[in-house]
N, C-alpha and C. Protein backbone atom coordinates (compact mmCIF):
# COMPACT_ATOMS: atom_id res chain seq x y z
N MET A 1 74.52 140.44 72.80
CA MET A 1 73.30 140.05 73.40
C MET A 1 73.23 140.43 74.96
N PHE A 2 72.22 140.81 75.27
CA PHE A 2 71.94 141.43 76.76
C PHE A 2 71.28 140.15 77.62
N SER A 3 71.41 139.64 78.55
CA SER A 3 70.63 138.64 79.12
C SER A 3 69.91 139.28 80.05
N PRO A 4 68.31 139.33 79.93
CA PRO A 4 67.76 139.81 81.13
C PRO A 4 67.84 139.15 82.55
N SER A 5 68.18 137.71 82.25
CA SER A 5 68.52 137.05 83.29
C SER A 5 69.41 137.55 84.33
N LEU A 6 70.70 138.67 83.95
CA LEU A 6 71.44 139.46 84.46
C LEU A 6 70.91 139.97 85.73
N LYS A 7 69.85 140.46 85.61
CA LYS A 7 69.32 141.13 86.70
C LYS A 7 68.88 140.61 88.14
N TYR A 8 69.01 139.28 87.87
CA TYR A 8 68.40 138.37 88.98
C TYR A 8 69.48 137.80 89.93
N TRP A 9 70.88 138.00 89.40
CA TRP A 9 72.11 137.59 90.17
C TRP A 9 72.11 138.43 91.18
N THR A 10 72.49 137.98 92.33
CA THR A 10 72.33 138.58 93.71
C THR A 10 74.21 139.35 93.79
N GLN A 11 74.91 138.88 93.15
CA GLN A 11 76.41 139.57 93.69
C GLN A 11 76.62 140.51 92.93
N GLU A 12 76.73 141.74 93.84
CA GLU A 12 76.77 143.01 93.43
C GLU A 12 78.08 143.16 93.02
N SER A 13 78.53 144.17 91.94
CA SER A 13 79.91 144.19 91.58
C SER A 13 80.40 145.75 91.30
N GLN A 14 81.31 145.87 91.65
CA GLN A 14 82.07 147.47 91.17
C GLN A 14 82.63 147.28 89.98
N VAL A 15 82.97 146.26 89.41
CA VAL A 15 83.87 146.16 88.47
C VAL A 15 83.13 145.92 86.94
N SER A 16 81.93 145.47 87.15
CA SER A 16 81.50 145.08 85.84
C SER A 16 80.26 146.19 85.48
N GLU A 17 80.08 146.47 83.94
CA GLU A 17 79.46 147.26 83.63
C GLU A 17 77.93 146.93 83.90
N SER A 18 77.44 145.73 84.25
CA SER A 18 75.85 145.38 84.57
C SER A 18 76.03 145.75 85.91
N GLY A 19 76.98 145.85 86.51
CA GLY A 19 76.70 145.64 88.01
C GLY A 19 76.26 144.54 89.07
N LYS A 20 76.55 143.47 88.10
CA LYS A 20 76.58 142.09 88.57
C LYS A 20 77.51 141.51 88.19
N GLU A 21 77.87 140.25 89.20
CA GLU A 21 79.11 139.34 88.62
C GLU A 21 78.84 138.01 89.32
N VAL A 22 79.46 137.19 88.83
CA VAL A 22 79.63 135.78 89.53
C VAL A 22 80.94 135.36 89.61
N LEU A 23 81.29 134.53 90.93
CA LEU A 23 82.57 133.92 91.08
C LEU A 23 82.43 132.61 91.03
N ILE A 24 83.40 132.29 90.06
CA ILE A 24 83.30 130.81 89.72
C ILE A 24 84.50 130.16 90.58
N GLU A 25 84.42 129.25 91.67
CA GLU A 25 85.58 128.57 92.37
C GLU A 25 86.25 127.54 91.28
N ALA A 26 87.52 127.22 91.58
CA ALA A 26 88.37 126.38 90.65
C ALA A 26 87.54 125.10 90.69
N GLY A 27 87.57 124.54 89.65
CA GLY A 27 86.64 123.10 89.28
C GLY A 27 85.30 123.54 89.47
N GLY A 28 84.97 124.67 89.72
CA GLY A 28 83.51 125.14 89.53
C GLY A 28 82.77 125.26 88.14
N SER A 29 81.45 125.63 87.87
CA SER A 29 80.83 125.98 86.64
C SER A 29 79.70 126.75 86.67
N MET A 30 79.58 127.33 85.73
CA MET A 30 78.28 128.19 85.97
C MET A 30 77.16 127.76 84.56
N GLU A 31 76.12 127.73 84.58
CA GLU A 31 75.03 127.69 83.41
C GLU A 31 74.37 128.66 83.25
N GLN A 32 74.04 129.43 82.24
CA GLN A 32 72.81 130.25 81.82
C GLN A 32 72.12 129.87 80.83
N THR A 33 71.04 129.63 80.72
CA THR A 33 70.31 129.63 79.41
C THR A 33 69.66 130.96 79.44
N LEU A 34 69.78 131.37 78.15
CA LEU A 34 69.22 132.66 77.70
C LEU A 34 68.10 132.33 76.38
N TYR A 35 67.18 133.12 76.27
CA TYR A 35 65.86 132.68 75.68
C TYR A 35 65.92 133.20 74.17
N PHE A 36 67.32 133.07 73.70
CA PHE A 36 67.36 133.53 72.47
C PHE A 36 67.91 132.13 71.63
N LYS A 37 67.84 131.96 70.14
CA LYS A 37 68.02 131.06 69.42
C LYS A 37 69.37 131.21 68.65
N THR A 38 70.06 130.41 68.62
CA THR A 38 71.59 130.44 67.32
C THR A 38 70.79 130.35 66.16
N VAL A 39 71.30 130.66 65.09
CA VAL A 39 70.88 130.30 63.51
C VAL A 39 72.36 129.92 63.08
N PRO A 40 72.18 128.53 62.43
CA PRO A 40 73.19 128.15 61.83
C PRO A 40 73.94 128.94 61.14
N GLY A 41 75.34 129.40 60.77
CA GLY A 41 75.63 129.99 59.91
C GLY A 41 75.94 131.57 60.32
N ASP A 42 74.94 131.87 61.30
CA ASP A 42 75.01 133.26 61.88
C ASP A 42 76.38 133.62 62.51
N ARG A 43 76.79 134.85 62.23
CA ARG A 43 78.29 135.11 63.14
C ARG A 43 77.59 135.60 64.50
N TYR A 44 78.42 135.44 65.46
CA TYR A 44 78.22 135.78 67.21
C TYR A 44 79.52 136.29 67.76
N ILE A 45 79.29 137.04 68.69
CA ILE A 45 80.55 137.57 69.47
C ILE A 45 80.03 136.87 70.97
N PHE A 46 81.28 136.16 71.65
CA PHE A 46 80.93 135.96 73.01
C PHE A 46 82.14 136.82 73.60
N SER A 47 81.50 137.71 74.58
CA SER A 47 82.41 138.73 75.21
C SER A 47 82.30 138.45 76.81
N PHE A 48 83.40 138.88 77.42
CA PHE A 48 83.11 138.98 79.19
C PHE A 48 84.24 139.78 79.67
N ARG A 49 84.39 139.97 80.74
CA ARG A 49 85.49 140.76 81.59
C ARG A 49 85.85 139.63 82.61
N GLY A 50 86.85 139.30 82.81
CA GLY A 50 87.31 138.24 83.75
C GLY A 50 88.79 138.56 84.24
N LYS A 51 89.16 137.78 85.30
CA LYS A 51 90.49 137.22 85.66
C LYS A 51 90.48 136.12 86.10
N GLY A 52 91.64 135.33 86.31
CA GLY A 52 91.78 134.12 87.14
C GLY A 52 92.05 133.25 86.31
N GLY A 53 91.66 131.80 86.07
CA GLY A 53 92.62 130.62 85.32
C GLY A 53 91.67 130.70 84.11
N LYS A 54 91.72 129.42 83.75
CA LYS A 54 91.29 129.30 82.20
C LYS A 54 89.53 129.10 82.26
N VAL A 55 88.65 129.41 81.45
CA VAL A 55 87.25 129.25 81.34
C VAL A 55 87.09 128.85 79.86
N SER A 56 85.96 127.75 79.80
CA SER A 56 85.83 127.25 78.53
C SER A 56 84.17 127.45 78.54
N TYR A 57 83.58 127.56 77.24
CA TYR A 57 82.43 127.81 77.00
C TYR A 57 81.87 127.07 75.66
N SER A 58 80.35 126.91 75.75
CA SER A 58 79.95 126.59 74.55
C SER A 58 78.37 127.22 74.06
N VAL A 59 78.41 127.68 73.02
CA VAL A 59 77.61 128.08 72.32
C VAL A 59 76.93 128.04 70.85
N GLY A 60 75.75 127.46 70.60
CA GLY A 60 75.32 127.03 69.35
C GLY A 60 76.18 126.19 68.63
N GLY A 61 76.80 125.19 69.39
CA GLY A 61 77.58 123.98 68.79
C GLY A 61 79.30 124.72 68.59
N HIS A 62 79.54 125.48 69.04
CA HIS A 62 80.72 126.24 69.00
C HIS A 62 81.38 125.99 70.58
N TYR A 63 82.59 125.69 70.90
CA TYR A 63 83.19 125.54 71.97
C TYR A 63 84.45 126.21 71.79
N GLY A 64 85.04 127.18 73.10
CA GLY A 64 85.95 127.79 73.14
C GLY A 64 86.53 127.61 74.81
N GLU A 65 87.75 128.38 74.69
CA GLU A 65 88.54 128.40 75.98
C GLU A 65 89.22 129.47 75.97
N PHE A 66 89.25 130.41 76.99
CA PHE A 66 90.09 131.44 77.45
C PHE A 66 91.01 130.92 78.57
N ASP A 67 92.27 131.71 78.36
CA ASP A 67 93.12 131.51 79.75
C ASP A 67 93.70 132.92 80.19
N MET A 68 92.89 133.25 81.38
CA MET A 68 92.96 134.50 81.77
C MET A 68 93.87 134.60 82.93
N SER A 69 94.67 133.72 83.25
CA SER A 69 95.83 133.44 84.16
C SER A 69 97.08 134.48 83.94
N GLU A 70 97.02 135.33 82.82
CA GLU A 70 98.36 136.13 82.46
C GLU A 70 98.42 137.30 83.42
N GLY A 71 97.12 137.75 84.06
CA GLY A 71 97.43 139.10 84.86
C GLY A 71 96.41 139.06 86.01
N LYS A 72 96.74 140.23 86.80
CA LYS A 72 95.80 139.96 87.91
C LYS A 72 94.70 140.77 88.34
N ASP A 73 94.65 141.87 86.90
CA ASP A 73 93.85 142.68 86.88
C ASP A 73 92.46 142.36 85.94
N PHE A 74 91.46 142.63 85.96
CA PHE A 74 90.32 142.22 84.90
C PHE A 74 90.52 142.70 83.68
N ALA A 75 90.51 141.96 82.57
CA ALA A 75 90.60 142.27 81.15
C ALA A 75 89.34 141.61 80.36
N GLN A 76 89.40 142.47 79.28
CA GLN A 76 88.02 141.97 78.49
C GLN A 76 88.79 140.79 77.28
N TYR A 77 87.71 139.84 77.14
CA TYR A 77 87.94 138.78 76.33
C TYR A 77 86.64 138.58 75.33
N SER A 78 87.21 138.20 74.26
CA SER A 78 86.24 137.95 73.43
C SER A 78 86.46 137.27 72.08
N GLU A 79 85.70 136.62 71.61
CA GLU A 79 85.65 135.63 70.35
C GLU A 79 84.57 135.87 69.52
N LYS A 80 84.86 135.99 68.10
CA LYS A 80 83.93 135.86 67.04
C LYS A 80 83.86 134.47 66.63
N PHE A 81 82.47 133.95 66.31
CA PHE A 81 82.41 132.53 65.80
C PHE A 81 81.20 132.44 65.08
N THR A 82 80.79 131.41 64.59
CA THR A 82 79.91 131.04 63.55
C THR A 82 79.23 130.15 64.24
N ALA A 83 77.84 129.96 64.61
CA ALA A 83 77.19 128.97 65.16
C ALA A 83 77.07 127.68 64.03
N GLU A 84 77.27 126.63 64.70
CA GLU A 84 77.05 125.64 63.71
C GLU A 84 75.59 124.90 64.13
N ASN A 85 75.20 124.97 64.90
CA ASN A 85 73.78 124.64 64.88
C ASN A 85 72.91 125.70 65.76
N ALA A 86 71.35 125.32 65.46
CA ALA A 86 70.28 125.90 65.92
C ALA A 86 70.30 125.59 67.38
N GLY A 87 69.61 126.55 68.37
CA GLY A 87 69.54 125.99 69.74
C GLY A 87 69.45 127.13 70.72
N GLU A 88 68.92 126.87 72.02
CA GLU A 88 69.07 128.13 72.94
C GLU A 88 70.58 128.53 73.11
N ILE A 89 70.74 129.61 73.45
CA ILE A 89 72.01 130.12 73.88
C ILE A 89 72.55 129.68 75.41
C-alpha cells in the first residue's frame, strides 16, 4: 500500500525510494494512520527499509517486531500476515 501521507513528511532522504524518511530515536515511537481499512482474513505485507535497533508494529490486530541491529547498512524488511480484525491501518 502507498501512503499519500508520506508526501507531507518533511525529512528529505537520499536512501528511501519515496524520497522521505523518519528518524526514530531510542525509546521513541511513530504513529501514522492510513485511510485504508483492513479486512479480517485478508493477507497483507508490511514492508520498509531501515537500520538501527528493534522496531515493533501493529496493523489490523497483527503485532510484529523486526531486529535491525545486525548490520550498519539499510536493509529491506517485510512480513506477510493475515489481518485479525477490521480497522484503520
